Amino acid sequence: GTDQRARFTVTSAGTGQGANPTITLTFKDGTWTVAPFVVV
């Protein structure tokens, strides 16, 4: 997919797992005119 709709996996690995980690996607095709509505 793209920064408009996508599917991806995150594999937890190594040590140091902690509460409430984040995944940050910087929109690849540039800044939206206004923040888009997103459903995850």
PDB file of all heavy atoms in Angstrom:
ATOM      1  N   GLY A   1       0.801  -1.211   0.000  1.00  0.00           N
ATOM      2  CA  GLY A   1       0.000   0.000   0.000  1.00  0.00           C
ATOM      3  C   GLY A   1       0.836   1.264   0.000  1.00  0.00           C
ATOM      4  O   GLY A   1       2.056   1.239  -0.176  1.00  0.00           O
ATOM      5  N   THR A   2       0.132   2.364   0.196  1.00  0.00           N
ATOM      6  CA  THR A   2       0.718   3.697   0.147  1.00  0.00           C
ATOM      7  C   THR A   2       0.400   4.430   1.447  1.00  0.00           C
ATOM      8  O   THR A   2      -0.219   3.863   2.348  1.00  0.00           O
ATOM      9  CB  THR A   2       0.143   4.496  -1.032  1.00  0.00           C
ATOM     10  OG1 THR A   2      -1.250   4.770  -0.769  1.00  0.00           O
ATOM     11  CG2 THR A   2       0.267   3.739  -2.345  1.00  0.00           C
ATOM     12  N   ASP A   3       0.768   5.716   1.506  1.00  0.00           N
ATOM     13  CA  ASP A   3       0.453   6.449   2.735  1.00  0.00           C
ATOM     14  C   ASP A   3      -1.005   6.890   2.793  1.00  0.00           C
ATOM     15  O   ASP A   3      -1.408   7.590   3.705  1.00  0.00           O
ATOM     16  CB  ASP A   3       1.418   7.618   2.961  1.00  0.00           C
ATOM     17  CG  ASP A   3       1.342   8.704   1.912  1.00  0.00           C
ATOM     18  OD1 ASP A   3       0.479   8.638   1.017  1.00  0.00           O
ATOM     19  OD2 ASP A   3       2.159   9.634   2.002  1.00  0.00           O
ATOM     20  N   GLN A   4      -1.810   6.436   1.853  1.00  0.00           N
ATOM     21  CA  GLN A   4      -3.249   6.666   1.931  1.00  0.00           C
ATOM     22  C   GLN A   4      -3.984   5.436   2.459  1.00  0.00           C
ATOM     23  O   GLN A   4      -4.968   5.554   3.169  1.00  0.00           O
ATOM     24  CB  GLN A   4      -3.820   7.071   0.579  1.00  0.00           C
ATOM     25  CG  GLN A   4      -5.278   7.470   0.690  1.00  0.00           C
ATOM     26  CD  GLN A   4      -5.821   8.076  -0.568  1.00  0.00           C
ATOM     27  OE1 GLN A   4      -5.167   8.107  -1.609  1.00  0.00           O
ATOM     28  NE2 GLN A   4      -7.043   8.560  -0.500  1.00  0.00           N
ATOM     29  N   ARG A   5      -3.470   4.251   2.138  1.00  0.00           N
ATOM     30  CA  ARG A   5      -4.021   3.021   2.698  1.00  0.00           C
ATOM     31  C   ARG A   5      -2.947   1.960   2.598  1.00  0.00           C
ATOM     32  O   ARG A   5      -2.244   1.857   1.598  1.00  0.00           O
ATOM     33  CB  ARG A   5      -5.285   2.559   1.982  1.00  0.00           C
ATOM     34  CG  ARG A   5      -5.048   2.302   0.501  1.00  0.00           C
ATOM     35  CD  ARG A   5      -5.790   1.068   0.040  1.00  0.00           C
ATOM     36  NE  ARG A   5      -5.404   0.743  -1.311  1.00  0.00           N
ATOM     37  CZ  ARG A   5      -4.385  -0.062  -1.635  1.00  0.00           C
ATOM     38  NH1 ARG A   5      -3.661  -0.626  -0.706  1.00  0.00           N
ATOM     39  NH2 ARG A   5      -4.079  -0.303  -2.895  1.00  0.00           N
ATOM     40  N   ALA A   6      -2.791   1.206   3.674  1.00  0.00           N
ATOM     41  CA  ALA A   6      -1.723   0.203   3.670  1.00  0.00           C
ATOM     42  C   ALA A   6      -1.982  -0.871   4.709  1.00  0.00           C
ATOM     43  O   ALA A   6      -2.795  -0.715   5.615  1.00  0.00           O
ATOM     44  CB  ALA A   6      -0.367   0.865   3.944  1.00  0.00           C
ATOM     45  N   ARG A   7      -1.220  -1.966   4.546  1.00  0.00           N
ATOM     46  CA  ARG A   7      -1.170  -3.057   5.519  1.00  0.00           C
ATOM     47  C   ARG A   7       0.309  -3.340   5.752  1.00  0.00           C
ATOM     48  O   ARG A   7       1.103  -3.346   4.821  1.00  0.00           O
ATOM     49  CB  ARG A   7      -1.853  -4.300   4.956  1.00  0.00           C
ATOM     50  CG  ARG A   7      -1.744  -5.518   5.874  1.00  0.00           C
ATOM     51  CD  ARG A   7      -2.406  -6.753   5.264  1.00  0.00           C
ATOM     52  NE  ARG A   7      -3.835  -6.531   5.104  1.00  0.00           N
ATOM     53  CZ  ARG A   7      -4.499  -6.696   3.960  1.00  0.00           C
ATOM     54  NH1 ARG A   7      -3.882  -7.085   2.870  1.00  0.00           N
ATOM     55  NH2 ARG A   7      -5.789  -6.488   3.901  1.00  0.00           N
ATOM     56  N   PHE A   8       0.673  -3.554   7.018  1.00  0.00           N
ATOM     57  CA  PHE A   8       2.068  -3.844   7.341  1.00  0.00           C
ATOM     58  C   PHE A   8       2.126  -4.617   8.648  1.00  0.00           C
ATOM     59  O   PHE A   8       1.152  -4.667   9.399  1.00  0.00           O
ATOM     60  CB  PHE A   8       2.903  -2.556   7.448  1.00  0.00           C
ATOM     61  CG  PHE A   8       2.453  -1.623   8.538  1.00  0.00           C
ATOM     62  CD1 PHE A   8       3.052  -1.659   9.793  1.00  0.00           C
ATOM     63  CD2 PHE A   8       1.437  -0.712   8.327  1.00  0.00           C
ATOM     64  CE1 PHE A   8       2.643  -0.807  10.813  1.00  0.00           C
ATOM     65  CE2 PHE A   8       1.012   0.145   9.339  1.00  0.00           C
ATOM     66  CZ  PHE A   8       1.621   0.095  10.577  1.00  0.00           C
ATOM     67  N   THR A   9       3.271  -5.247   8.901  1.00  0.00           N
ATOM     68  CA  THR A   9       3.459  -5.965  10.161  1.00  0.00           C
ATOM     69  C   THR A   9       4.578  -5.323  10.967  1.00  0.00           C
ATOM     70  O   THR A   9       5.491  -4.716  10.413  1.00  0.00           O
ATOM     71  CB  THR A   9       3.808  -7.446   9.929  1.00  0.00           C
ATOM     72  OG1 THR A   9       5.036  -7.525   9.209  1.00  0.00           O
ATOM     73  CG2 THR A   9       2.709  -8.168   9.183  1.00  0.00           C
ATOM     74  N   VAL A  10       4.469  -5.472  12.274  1.00  0.00           N
ATOM     75  CA  VAL A  10       5.536  -5.094  13.195  1.00  0.00           C
ATOM     76  C   VAL A  10       5.874  -6.343  13.994  1.00  0.00           C
ATOM     77  O   VAL A  10       4.990  -6.977  14.574  1.00  0.00           O
ATOM     78  CB  VAL A  10       5.102  -3.967  14.157  1.00  0.00           C
ATOM     79  CG1 VAL A  10       6.170  -3.704  15.214  1.00  0.00           C
ATOM     80  CG2 VAL A  10       4.783  -2.695  13.382  1.00  0.00           C
ATOM     81  N   THR A  11       7.147  -6.719  13.994  1.00  0.00           N
ATOM     82  CA  THR A  11       7.602  -7.860  14.770  1.00  0.00           C
ATOM     83  C   THR A  11       8.382  -7.349  15.968  1.00  0.00           C
ATOM     84  O   THR A  11       9.382  -6.640  15.811  1.00  0.00           O
ATOM     85  CB  THR A  11       8.474  -8.807  13.935  1.00  0.00           C
ATOM     86  OG1 THR A  11       7.691  -9.271  12.822  1.00  0.00           O
ATOM     87  CG2 THR A  11       8.944 -10.005  14.757  1.00  0.00           C
ATOM     88  N   SER A  12       7.903  -7.688  17.152  1.00  0.00           N
ATOM     89  CA  SER A  12       8.596  -7.340  18.387  1.00  0.00           C
ATOM     90  C   SER A  12       9.765  -8.306  18.542  1.00  0.00           C
ATOM     91  O   SER A  12       9.593  -9.517  18.436  1.00  0.00           O
ATOM     92  CB  SER A  12       7.628  -7.462  19.569  1.00  0.00           C
ATOM     93  OG  SER A  12       8.293  -7.215  20.782  1.00  0.00           O
ATOM     94  N   ALA A  13      10.963  -7.770  18.778  1.00  0.00           N
ATOM     95  CA  ALA A  13      12.139  -8.645  18.863  1.00  0.00           C
ATOM     96  C   ALA A  13      13.221  -7.989  19.710  1.00  0.00           C
ATOM     97  O   ALA A  13      13.250  -6.779  19.882  1.00  0.00           O
ATOM     98  CB  ALA A  13      12.678  -8.943  17.469  1.00  0.00           C
ATOM     99  N   GLY A  14      14.089  -8.838  20.215  1.00  0.00           N
ATOM    100  CA  GLY A  14      15.180  -8.348  21.049  1.00  0.00           C
ATOM    101  C   GLY A  14      14.733  -8.190  22.491  1.00  0.00           C
ATOM    102  O   GLY A  14      13.862  -8.914  22.970  1.00  0.00           O
ATOM    103  N   THR A  15      15.309  -7.229  23.163  1.00  0.00           N
ATOM    104  CA  THR A  15      14.987  -6.980  24.567  1.00  0.00           C
ATOM    105  C   THR A  15      14.451  -5.568  24.733  1.00  0.00           C
ATOM    106  O   THR A  15      14.518  -4.757  23.813  1.00  0.00           O
ATOM    107  CB  THR A  15      16.240  -7.144  25.442  1.00  0.00           C
ATOM    108  OG1 THR A  15      17.225  -6.197  25.000  1.00  0.00           O
ATOM    109  CG2 THR A  15      16.799  -8.549  25.351  1.00  0.00           C
ATOM    110  N   GLY A  16      13.931  -5.298  25.909  1.00  0.00           N
ATOM    111  CA  GLY A  16      13.487  -3.939  26.223  1.00  0.00           C
ATOM    112  C   GLY A  16      12.066  -3.620  25.833  1.00  0.00           C
ATOM    113  O   GLY A  16      11.701  -2.447  25.726  1.00  0.00           O
ATOM    114  N   GLN A  17      11.226  -4.632  25.646  1.00  0.00           N
ATOM    115  CA  GLN A  17       9.831  -4.343  25.341  1.00  0.00           C
ATOM    116  C   GLN A  17       9.250  -3.519  26.493  1.00  0.00           C
ATOM    117  O   GLN A  17       9.512  -3.807  27.658  1.00  0.00           O
ATOM    118  CB  GLN A  17       9.027  -5.636  25.157  1.00  0.00           C
ATOM    119  CG  GLN A  17       9.205  -6.319  23.831  1.00  0.00           C
ATOM    120  CD  GLN A  17      10.535  -7.020  23.657  1.00  0.00           C
ATOM    121  OE1 GLN A  17      11.313  -7.178  24.584  1.00  0.00           O
ATOM    122  NE2 GLN A  17      10.819  -7.449  22.448  1.00  0.00           N
ATOM    123  N   GLY A  18       8.484  -2.499  26.130  1.00  0.00           N
ATOM    124  CA  GLY A  18       7.925  -1.618  27.146  1.00  0.00           C
ATOM    125  C   GLY A  18       6.521  -1.206  26.795  1.00  0.00           C
ATOM    126  O   GLY A  18       6.037  -1.423  25.680  1.00  0.00           O
ATOM    127  N   ALA A  19       5.855  -0.612  27.747  1.00  0.00           N
ATOM    128  CA  ALA A  19       4.459  -0.226  27.596  1.00  0.00           C
ATOM    129  C   ALA A  19       4.280   0.878  26.557  1.00  0.00           C
ATOM    130  O   ALA A  19       5.074   1.815  26.476  1.00  0.00           O
ATOM    131  CB  ALA A  19       3.905   0.239  28.939  1.00  0.00           C
ATOM    132  N   ASN A  20       3.233   0.720  25.783  1.00  0.00           N
ATOM    133  CA  ASN A  20       2.731   1.729  24.854  1.00  0.00           C
ATOM    134  C   ASN A  20       3.739   2.213  23.808  1.00  0.00           C
ATOM    135  O   ASN A  20       3.895   3.410  23.591  1.00  0.00           O
ATOM    136  CB  ASN A  20       2.176   2.926  25.641  1.00  0.00           C
ATOM    137  CG  ASN A  20       1.153   2.500  26.658  1.00  0.00           C
ATOM    138  OD1 ASN A  20       0.314   1.641  26.384  1.00  0.00           O
ATOM    139  ND2 ASN A  20       1.212   3.066  27.844  1.00  0.00           N
ATOM    140  N   PRO A  21       4.414   1.285  23.115  1.00  0.00           N
ATOM    141  CA  PRO A  21       5.334   1.725  22.063  1.00  0.00           C
ATOM    142  C   PRO A  21       4.566   2.307  20.877  1.00  0.00           C
ATOM    143  O   PRO A  21       3.369   2.053  20.707  1.00  0.00           O
ATOM    144  CB  PRO A  21       6.062   0.443  21.676  1.00  0.00           C
ATOM    145  CG  PRO A  21       5.070  -0.630  21.955  1.00  0.00           C
ATOM    146  CD  PRO A  21       4.329  -0.171  23.183  1.00  0.00           C
ATOM    147  N   THR A  22       5.272   3.073  20.050  1.00  0.00           N
ATOM    148  CA  THR A  22       4.622   3.736  18.922  1.00  0.00           C
ATOM    149  C   THR A  22       5.258   3.362  17.590  1.00  0.00           C
ATOM    150  O   THR A  22       6.415   2.965  17.518  1.00  0.00           O
ATOM    151  CB  THR A  22       4.683   5.272  19.067  1.00  0.00           C
ATOM    152  OG1 THR A  22       6.048   5.675  19.131  1.00  0.00           O
ATOM    153  CG2 THR A  22       3.920   5.738  20.300  1.00  0.00           C
ATOM    154  N   ILE A  23       4.444   3.507  16.559  1.00  0.00           N
ATOM    155  CA  ILE A  23       4.851   3.346  15.167  1.00  0.00           C
ATOM    156  C   ILE A  23       4.579   4.693  14.509  1.00  0.00           C
ATOM    157  O   ILE A  23       3.444   5.170  14.536  1.00  0.00           O
ATOM    158  CB  ILE A  23       4.003   2.274  14.459  1.00  0.00           C
ATOM    159  CG1 ILE A  23       4.021   0.967  15.229  1.00  0.00           C
ATOM    160  CG2 ILE A  23       4.427   2.116  13.012  1.00  0.00           C
ATOM    161  CD1 ILE A  23       2.831   0.067  14.908  1.00  0.00           C
ATOM    162  N   THR A  24       5.590   5.314  13.948  1.00  0.00           N
ATOM    163  CA  THR A  24       5.399   6.609  13.303  1.00  0.00           C
ATOM    164  C   THR A  24       5.620   6.459  11.800  1.00  0.00           C
ATOM    165  O   THR A  24       6.668   5.997  11.362  1.00  0.00           O
ATOM    166  CB  THR A  24       6.369   7.659  13.868  1.00  0.00           C
ATOM    167  OG1 THR A  24       6.142   7.789  15.270  1.00  0.00           O
ATOM    168  CG2 THR A  24       6.169   9.017  13.197  1.00  0.00           C
ATOM    169  N   LEU A  25       4.620   6.868  11.040  1.00  0.00           N
ATOM    170  CA  LEU A  25       4.708   6.914   9.590  1.00  0.00           C
ATOM    171  C   LEU A  25       4.714   8.374   9.177  1.00  0.00           C
ATOM    172  O   LEU A  25       3.759   9.104   9.461  1.00  0.00           O
ATOM    173  CB  LEU A  25       3.518   6.202   8.935  1.00  0.00           C
ATOM    174  CG  LEU A  25       3.367   6.410   7.427  1.00  0.00           C
ATOM    175  CD1 LEU A  25       4.546   5.803   6.666  1.00  0.00           C
ATOM    176  CD2 LEU A  25       2.049   5.865   6.926  1.00  0.00           C
ATOM    177  N   THR A  26       5.794   8.814   8.558  1.00  0.00           N
ATOM    178  CA  THR A  26       5.818  10.148   7.962  1.00  0.00           C
ATOM    179  C   THR A  26       5.278   9.987   6.549  1.00  0.00           C
ATOM    180  O   THR A  26       5.787   9.173   5.770  1.00  0.00           O
ATOM    181  CB  THR A  26       7.248  10.720   7.944  1.00  0.00           C
ATOM    182  OG1 THR A  26       7.697  10.821   9.308  1.00  0.00           O
ATOM    183  CG2 THR A  26       7.285  12.086   7.293  1.00  0.00           C
ATOM    184  N   PHE A  27       4.229  10.723   6.232  1.00  0.00           N
ATOM    185  CA  PHE A  27       3.552  10.534   4.952  1.00  0.00           C
ATOM    186  C   PHE A  27       4.540  10.702   3.794  1.00  0.00           C
ATOM    187  O   PHE A  27       5.179  11.736   3.646  1.00  0.00           O
ATOM    188  CB  PHE A  27       2.359  11.476   4.822  1.00  0.00           C
ATOM    189  CG  PHE A  27       1.254  11.173   5.794  1.00  0.00           C
ATOM    190  CD1 PHE A  27       0.796  12.141   6.667  1.00  0.00           C
ATOM    191  CD2 PHE A  27       0.676   9.915   5.839  1.00  0.00           C
ATOM    192  CE1 PHE A  27      -0.227  11.863   7.568  1.00  0.00           C
ATOM    193  CE2 PHE A  27      -0.346   9.622   6.737  1.00  0.00           C
ATOM    194  CZ  PHE A  27      -0.797  10.604   7.601  1.00  0.00           C
ATOM    195  N   LYS A  28       4.673   9.673   3.017  1.00  0.00           N
ATOM    196  CA  LYS A  28       5.692   9.579   1.965  1.00  0.00           C
ATOM    197  C   LYS A  28       5.440  10.541   0.809  1.00  0.00           C
ATOM    198  O   LYS A  28       6.377  11.051   0.202  1.00  0.00           O
ATOM    199  CB  LYS A  28       5.760   8.145   1.449  1.00  0.00           C
ATOM    200  CG  LYS A  28       6.906   7.899   0.514  1.00  0.00           C
ATOM    201  CD  LYS A  28       7.122   6.430   0.315  1.00  0.00           C
ATOM    202  CE  LYS A  28       8.404   6.179  -0.435  1.00  0.00           C
ATOM    203  NZ  LYS A  28       8.833   4.801  -0.306  1.00  0.00           N
ATOM    204  N   ASP A  29       4.183  10.801   0.518  1.00  0.00           N
ATOM    205  CA  ASP A  29       3.871  11.672  -0.613  1.00  0.00           C
ATOM    206  C   ASP A  29       3.695  13.129  -0.188  1.00  0.00           C
ATOM    207  O   ASP A  29       3.060  13.909  -0.890  1.00  0.00           O
ATOM    208  CB  ASP A  29       2.632  11.157  -1.346  1.00  0.00           C
ATOM    209  CG  ASP A  29       2.941   9.893  -2.127  1.00  0.00           C
ATOM    210  OD1 ASP A  29       4.049   9.804  -2.683  1.00  0.00           O
ATOM    211  OD2 ASP A  29       2.095   8.987  -2.163  1.00  0.00           O
ATOM    212  N   GLY A  30       4.272  13.472   0.951  1.00  0.00           N
ATOM    213  CA  GLY A  30       4.266  14.871   1.381  1.00  0.00           C
ATOM    214  C   GLY A  30       3.129  15.213   2.322  1.00  0.00           C
ATOM    215  O   GLY A  30       2.309  14.370   2.691  1.00  0.00           O
ATOM    216  N   THR A  31       3.118  16.451   2.702  1.00  0.00           N
ATOM    217  CA  THR A  31       2.160  16.974   3.671  1.00  0.00           C
ATOM    218  C   THR A  31       0.769  17.054   3.055  1.00  0.00           C
ATOM    219  O   THR A  31       0.603  17.536   1.934  1.00  0.00           O
ATOM    220  CB  THR A  31       2.612  18.371   4.132  1.00  0.00           C
ATOM    221  OG1 THR A  31       3.933  18.263   4.672  1.00  0.00           O
ATOM    222  CG2 THR A  31       1.687  18.944   5.175  1.00  0.00           C
ATOM    223  N   TRP A  32      -0.221  16.579   3.809  1.00  0.00           N
ATOM    224  CA  TRP A  32      -1.621  16.739   3.403  1.00  0.00           C
ATOM    225  C   TRP A  32      -1.982  18.219   3.580  1.00  0.00           C
ATOM    226  O   TRP A  32      -1.392  18.913   4.400  1.00  0.00           O
ATOM    227  CB  TRP A  32      -2.533  15.895   4.286  1.00  0.00           C
ATOM    228  CG  TRP A  32      -2.410  14.407   4.100  1.00  0.00           C
ATOM    229  CD1 TRP A  32      -1.379  13.618   4.504  1.00  0.00           C
ATOM    230  CD2 TRP A  32      -3.351  13.540   3.489  1.00  0.00           C
ATOM    231  NE1 TRP A  32      -1.621  12.301   4.184  1.00  0.00           N
ATOM    232  CE2 TRP A  32      -2.835  12.230   3.558  1.00  0.00           C
ATOM    233  CE3 TRP A  32      -4.594  13.733   2.892  1.00  0.00           C
ATOM    234  CZ2 TRP A  32      -3.511  11.128   3.052  1.00  0.00           C
ATOM    235  CZ3 TRP A  32      -5.269  12.628   2.390  1.00  0.00           C
ATOM    236  CH2 TRP A  32      -4.729  11.350   2.467  1.00  0.00           C
ATOM    237  N   THR A  33      -2.987  18.686   2.856  1.00  0.00           N
ATOM    238  CA  THR A  33      -3.435  20.071   3.005  1.00  0.00           C
ATOM    239  C   THR A  33      -3.900  20.325   4.431  1.00  0.00           C
ATOM    240  O   THR A  33      -3.585  21.355   5.028  1.00  0.00           O
ATOM    241  CB  THR A  33      -4.576  20.369   2.010  1.00  0.00           C
ATOM    242  OG1 THR A  33      -4.118  20.047   0.701  1.00  0.00           O
ATOM    243  CG2 THR A  33      -4.976  21.813   2.064  1.00  0.00           C
ATOM    244  N   VAL A  34      -4.629  19.397   4.984  1.00  0.00           N
ATOM    245  CA  VAL A  34      -5.021  19.380   6.402  1.00  0.00           C
ATOM    246  C   VAL A  34      -4.836  17.948   6.877  1.00  0.00           C
ATOM    247  O   VAL A  34      -4.725  17.027   6.072  1.00  0.00           O
ATOM    248  CB  VAL A  34      -6.490  19.833   6.625  1.00  0.00           C
ATOM    249  CG1 VAL A  34      -6.693  21.273   6.201  1.00  0.00           C
ATOM    250  CG2 VAL A  34      -7.459  18.928   5.886  1.00  0.00           C
ATOM    251  N   ALA A  35      -4.805  17.749   8.173  1.00  0.00           N
ATOM    252  CA  ALA A  35      -4.664  16.394   8.710  1.00  0.00           C
ATOM    253  C   ALA A  35      -5.797  15.514   8.176  1.00  0.00           C
ATOM    254  O   ALA A  35      -6.967  15.888   8.261  1.00  0.00           O
ATOM    255  CB  ALA A  35      -4.691  16.411  10.227  1.00  0.00           C
ATOM    256  N   PRO A  36      -5.468  14.353   7.606  1.00  0.00           N
ATOM    257  CA  PRO A  36      -6.514  13.476   7.082  1.00  0.00           C
ATOM    258  C   PRO A  36      -7.273  12.781   8.210  1.00  0.00           C
ATOM    259  O   PRO A  36      -6.802  12.713   9.348  1.00  0.00           O
ATOM    260  CB  PRO A  36      -5.728  12.457   6.259  1.00  0.00           C
ATOM    261  CG  PRO A  36      -4.393  12.395   6.922  1.00  0.00           C
ATOM    262  CD  PRO A  36      -4.126  13.778   7.422  1.00  0.00           C
ATOM    263  N   PHE A  37      -8.438  12.252   7.877  1.00  0.00           N
ATOM    264  CA  PHE A  37      -9.158  11.368   8.784  1.00  0.00           C
ATOM    265  C   PHE A  37      -8.556   9.989   8.592  1.00  0.00           C
ATOM    266  O   PHE A  37      -8.380   9.537   7.466  1.00  0.00           O
ATOM    267  CB  PHE A  37     -10.658  11.342   8.459  1.00  0.00           C
ATOM    268  CG  PHE A  37     -11.341  12.644   8.722  1.00  0.00           C
ATOM    269  CD1 PHE A  37     -11.554  13.543   7.689  1.00  0.00           C
ATOM    270  CD2 PHE A  37     -11.750  12.985  10.000  1.00  0.00           C
ATOM    271  CE1 PHE A  37     -12.179  14.752   7.919  1.00  0.00           C
ATOM    272  CE2 PHE A  37     -12.379  14.197  10.243  1.00  0.00           C
ATOM    273  CZ  PHE A  37     -12.592  15.083   9.200  1.00  0.00           C
ATOM    274  N   VAL A  38      -8.230   9.303   9.682  1.00  0.00           N
ATOM    275  CA  VAL A  38      -7.555   8.016   9.594  1.00  0.00           C
ATOM    276  C   VAL A  38      -8.281   6.999  10.469  1.00  0.00           C
ATOM    277  O   VAL A  38      -8.743   7.326  11.569  1.00  0.00           O
ATOM    278  CB  VAL A  38      -6.079   8.130  10.047  1.00  0.00           C
ATOM    279  CG1 VAL A  38      -5.396   6.772  10.054  1.00  0.00           C
ATOM    280  CG2 VAL A  38      -5.318   9.089   9.148  1.00  0.00           C
ATOM    281  N   VAL A  39      -8.370   5.766   9.979  1.00  0.00           N
ATOM    282  CA  VAL A  39      -8.872   4.643  10.758  1.00  0.00           C
ATOM    283  C   VAL A  39      -7.797   3.566  10.730  1.00  0.00           C
ATOM    284  O   VAL A  39      -7.267   3.239   9.661  1.00  0.00           O
ATOM    285  CB  VAL A  39     -10.192   4.080  10.180  1.00  0.00           C
ATOM    286  CG1 VAL A  39     -10.649   2.866  10.976  1.00  0.00           C
ATOM    287  CG2 VAL A  39     -11.267   5.153  10.167  1.00  0.00           C
ATOM    288  N   VAL A  40      -7.458   3.021  11.898  1.00  0.00           N
ATOM    289  CA  VAL A  40      -6.419   2.004  12.035  1.00  0.00           C
ATOM    290  C   VAL A  40      -7.025   0.773  12.700  1.00  0.00           C
ATOM    291  O   VAL A  40      -7.805   0.900  13.646  1.00  0.00           O
ATOM    292  CB  VAL A  40      -5.248   2.522  12.910  1.00  0.00           C
ATOM    293  CG1 VAL A  40      -4.186   1.453  13.084  1.00  0.00           C
ATOM    294  CG2 VAL A  40      -4.651   3.790  12.320  1.00  0.00           C
TER     295      VAL A  40
END
